[in-house]
N, C-alpha and C. Protein backbone atom coordinates (compact mmCIF):
# COMPACT_ATOMS: atom_id res chain seq x y z
N MET A 1 -23.87 4.14 0.61
CA MET A 1 -23.14 2.90 0.43
C MET A 1 -21.76 2.95 1.08
N HIS A 2 -21.34 4.14 1.48
CA HIS A 2 -20.05 4.26 2.15
C HIS A 2 -20.01 3.39 3.42
N ASP A 3 -21.10 3.40 4.19
CA ASP A 3 -21.15 2.60 5.42
C ASP A 3 -21.04 1.12 5.09
N PHE A 4 -21.66 0.69 4.02
CA PHE A 4 -21.62 -0.71 3.59
C PHE A 4 -20.18 -1.12 3.30
N LYS A 5 -19.48 -0.33 2.52
CA LYS A 5 -18.09 -0.64 2.17
C LYS A 5 -17.20 -0.60 3.41
N SER A 6 -17.43 0.36 4.28
CA SER A 6 -16.64 0.44 5.52
C SER A 6 -16.82 -0.80 6.38
N ASP A 7 -18.06 -1.25 6.51
CA ASP A 7 -18.33 -2.45 7.30
C ASP A 7 -17.55 -3.64 6.74
N LEU A 8 -17.60 -3.84 5.43
CA LEU A 8 -16.91 -4.97 4.82
C LEU A 8 -15.39 -4.83 4.96
N ALA A 9 -14.87 -3.63 4.76
CA ALA A 9 -13.42 -3.41 4.86
C ALA A 9 -12.90 -3.70 6.25
N GLU A 10 -13.72 -3.46 7.26
CA GLU A 10 -13.31 -3.69 8.64
C GLU A 10 -13.66 -5.09 9.12
N GLY A 11 -14.15 -5.94 8.20
CA GLY A 11 -14.43 -7.33 8.54
C GLY A 11 -15.71 -7.53 9.33
N ARG A 12 -16.56 -6.51 9.35
CA ARG A 12 -17.84 -6.62 10.07
C ARG A 12 -18.95 -7.02 9.10
N GLN A 13 -20.00 -7.59 9.66
CA GLN A 13 -21.20 -7.80 8.87
C GLN A 13 -21.79 -6.43 8.56
N PRO A 14 -22.41 -6.26 7.40
CA PRO A 14 -23.05 -4.97 7.11
C PRO A 14 -24.10 -4.64 8.17
N ARG A 15 -24.23 -3.36 8.49
CA ARG A 15 -25.17 -2.95 9.53
C ARG A 15 -26.58 -3.46 9.23
N PRO A 16 -27.34 -3.79 10.27
CA PRO A 16 -28.65 -4.43 10.10
C PRO A 16 -29.63 -3.65 9.23
N GLY A 17 -29.58 -2.34 9.24
CA GLY A 17 -30.51 -1.55 8.44
C GLY A 17 -30.39 -1.80 6.95
N LEU A 18 -29.26 -2.39 6.51
CA LEU A 18 -29.06 -2.65 5.09
C LEU A 18 -29.58 -4.02 4.66
N ARG A 19 -29.81 -4.91 5.58
CA ARG A 19 -30.37 -6.23 5.32
C ARG A 19 -29.69 -6.93 4.14
N VAL A 20 -28.56 -7.53 4.42
CA VAL A 20 -27.77 -8.26 3.42
C VAL A 20 -27.94 -9.75 3.63
N LYS A 21 -28.18 -10.49 2.54
CA LYS A 21 -28.26 -11.95 2.62
C LYS A 21 -27.94 -12.54 1.25
N GLY A 22 -27.58 -13.82 1.25
CA GLY A 22 -27.31 -14.52 0.00
C GLY A 22 -28.61 -14.80 -0.75
N ILE A 23 -28.49 -14.95 -2.06
CA ILE A 23 -29.66 -15.25 -2.88
C ILE A 23 -29.72 -16.76 -3.11
N LYS A 24 -30.83 -17.36 -2.71
CA LYS A 24 -31.03 -18.79 -2.86
C LYS A 24 -30.98 -19.17 -4.35
N GLY A 25 -30.20 -20.18 -4.69
CA GLY A 25 -30.09 -20.63 -6.07
C GLY A 25 -29.10 -19.84 -6.91
N ALA A 26 -28.42 -18.88 -6.31
CA ALA A 26 -27.43 -18.07 -7.03
C ALA A 26 -26.18 -17.95 -6.15
N PRO A 27 -25.36 -19.00 -6.07
CA PRO A 27 -24.19 -18.98 -5.19
C PRO A 27 -23.26 -17.79 -5.47
N GLY A 28 -22.80 -17.14 -4.40
CA GLY A 28 -21.86 -16.03 -4.55
C GLY A 28 -22.49 -14.70 -4.86
N ILE A 29 -23.84 -14.66 -4.99
CA ILE A 29 -24.54 -13.41 -5.26
C ILE A 29 -25.35 -13.06 -4.02
N PHE A 30 -25.28 -11.80 -3.62
CA PHE A 30 -25.94 -11.33 -2.41
C PHE A 30 -26.96 -10.26 -2.73
N GLU A 31 -27.92 -10.12 -1.83
CA GLU A 31 -28.97 -9.11 -1.94
C GLU A 31 -28.74 -8.06 -0.87
N LEU A 32 -28.94 -6.80 -1.21
CA LEU A 32 -28.87 -5.68 -0.28
C LEU A 32 -30.20 -4.95 -0.38
N THR A 33 -30.89 -4.80 0.75
CA THR A 33 -32.16 -4.09 0.79
C THR A 33 -31.98 -2.88 1.68
N TRP A 34 -32.33 -1.70 1.18
CA TRP A 34 -32.15 -0.50 1.99
C TRP A 34 -33.44 0.31 2.16
N ALA A 35 -34.51 -0.07 1.45
CA ALA A 35 -35.79 0.63 1.54
C ALA A 35 -36.90 -0.38 1.23
N PRO A 36 -38.16 -0.03 1.45
CA PRO A 36 -39.23 -0.99 1.18
C PRO A 36 -39.16 -1.63 -0.21
N ASP A 37 -38.79 -0.89 -1.23
CA ASP A 37 -38.61 -1.48 -2.55
C ASP A 37 -37.29 -1.04 -3.18
N GLY A 38 -36.26 -0.86 -2.36
CA GLY A 38 -34.92 -0.53 -2.83
C GLY A 38 -34.04 -1.75 -2.68
N ARG A 39 -33.61 -2.32 -3.80
CA ARG A 39 -32.85 -3.56 -3.78
C ARG A 39 -31.62 -3.45 -4.69
N ALA A 40 -30.61 -4.23 -4.35
CA ALA A 40 -29.43 -4.35 -5.21
C ALA A 40 -28.90 -5.77 -5.07
N THR A 41 -28.31 -6.28 -6.13
CA THR A 41 -27.59 -7.55 -6.04
C THR A 41 -26.13 -7.26 -6.33
N TRP A 42 -25.25 -8.04 -5.68
CA TRP A 42 -23.81 -7.80 -5.79
C TRP A 42 -23.06 -9.09 -5.52
N SER A 43 -21.80 -9.07 -5.88
CA SER A 43 -20.90 -10.19 -5.59
C SER A 43 -19.52 -9.61 -5.29
N TYR A 44 -18.68 -10.45 -4.73
CA TYR A 44 -17.29 -10.05 -4.48
C TYR A 44 -16.47 -10.31 -5.73
N GLY A 45 -15.57 -9.40 -6.03
CA GLY A 45 -14.61 -9.60 -7.11
C GLY A 45 -13.23 -9.81 -6.49
N GLY A 46 -12.27 -10.14 -7.32
CA GLY A 46 -10.90 -10.28 -6.84
C GLY A 46 -10.36 -8.97 -6.30
N GLU A 47 -9.50 -9.04 -5.31
CA GLU A 47 -8.97 -7.83 -4.68
C GLU A 47 -8.24 -6.96 -5.71
N ARG A 48 -8.60 -5.69 -5.73
CA ARG A 48 -7.97 -4.73 -6.64
C ARG A 48 -7.04 -3.79 -5.90
N PHE A 49 -7.42 -3.43 -4.67
CA PHE A 49 -6.62 -2.57 -3.81
C PHE A 49 -6.45 -3.30 -2.49
N GLU A 50 -5.22 -3.45 -2.05
CA GLU A 50 -4.93 -4.24 -0.86
C GLU A 50 -5.78 -3.81 0.34
N GLY A 51 -6.43 -4.80 0.93
CA GLY A 51 -7.22 -4.57 2.12
C GLY A 51 -8.60 -3.99 1.89
N GLU A 52 -8.99 -3.74 0.65
CA GLU A 52 -10.31 -3.18 0.35
C GLU A 52 -11.15 -4.22 -0.36
N PRO A 53 -12.40 -4.41 0.08
CA PRO A 53 -13.26 -5.36 -0.63
C PRO A 53 -13.58 -4.84 -2.02
N HIS A 54 -13.64 -5.73 -2.98
CA HIS A 54 -14.01 -5.36 -4.34
C HIS A 54 -15.44 -5.83 -4.56
N ILE A 55 -16.36 -4.91 -4.62
CA ILE A 55 -17.78 -5.21 -4.79
C ILE A 55 -18.15 -5.00 -6.25
N ILE A 56 -18.81 -5.98 -6.83
CA ILE A 56 -19.32 -5.86 -8.19
C ILE A 56 -20.83 -5.71 -8.09
N TRP A 57 -21.33 -4.53 -8.42
CA TRP A 57 -22.77 -4.28 -8.39
C TRP A 57 -23.37 -4.90 -9.64
N ARG A 58 -24.39 -5.72 -9.47
CA ARG A 58 -24.99 -6.46 -10.57
C ARG A 58 -26.28 -5.80 -11.05
N ARG A 59 -27.23 -5.64 -10.16
CA ARG A 59 -28.51 -5.01 -10.48
C ARG A 59 -28.88 -4.08 -9.34
N ILE A 60 -29.45 -2.94 -9.66
CA ILE A 60 -29.92 -1.99 -8.65
C ILE A 60 -31.28 -1.50 -9.10
N GLY A 61 -32.26 -1.54 -8.19
CA GLY A 61 -33.60 -1.09 -8.54
C GLY A 61 -34.64 -1.55 -7.55
N THR A 62 -35.76 -2.06 -8.07
CA THR A 62 -36.86 -2.53 -7.24
C THR A 62 -36.81 -4.05 -7.13
N HIS A 63 -37.83 -4.63 -6.55
CA HIS A 63 -37.91 -6.08 -6.37
C HIS A 63 -37.80 -6.81 -7.72
N ASP A 64 -38.10 -6.18 -8.81
CA ASP A 64 -38.03 -6.80 -10.14
C ASP A 64 -36.62 -7.26 -10.52
N ILE A 65 -35.59 -6.76 -9.87
CA ILE A 65 -34.22 -7.17 -10.22
C ILE A 65 -33.97 -8.64 -9.96
N PHE A 66 -34.81 -9.28 -9.14
CA PHE A 66 -34.59 -10.69 -8.80
C PHE A 66 -34.97 -11.63 -9.92
N LYS A 67 -35.58 -11.13 -10.97
CA LYS A 67 -35.88 -11.99 -12.12
C LYS A 67 -34.60 -12.50 -12.78
N ASN A 68 -33.52 -11.72 -12.67
CA ASN A 68 -32.22 -12.10 -13.21
C ASN A 68 -31.14 -11.45 -12.35
N PRO A 69 -30.83 -12.07 -11.15
CA PRO A 69 -29.94 -11.40 -10.20
C PRO A 69 -28.54 -11.20 -10.76
């Protein structure tokens, strides 16, 4: 996840291998896929440290996490 945070901190889109996209019907919540059944949902929080993105991890697991992102 270090690469993910680095990409966001530098203002880049997360690298393609991580497959990040918004979740339809859940504004402000994003999906991160890193393996065939490795999923996480997350959102941005208010800045805590200047210049660093504040990521709030919501659910981490398999495809089942989408029942309640």
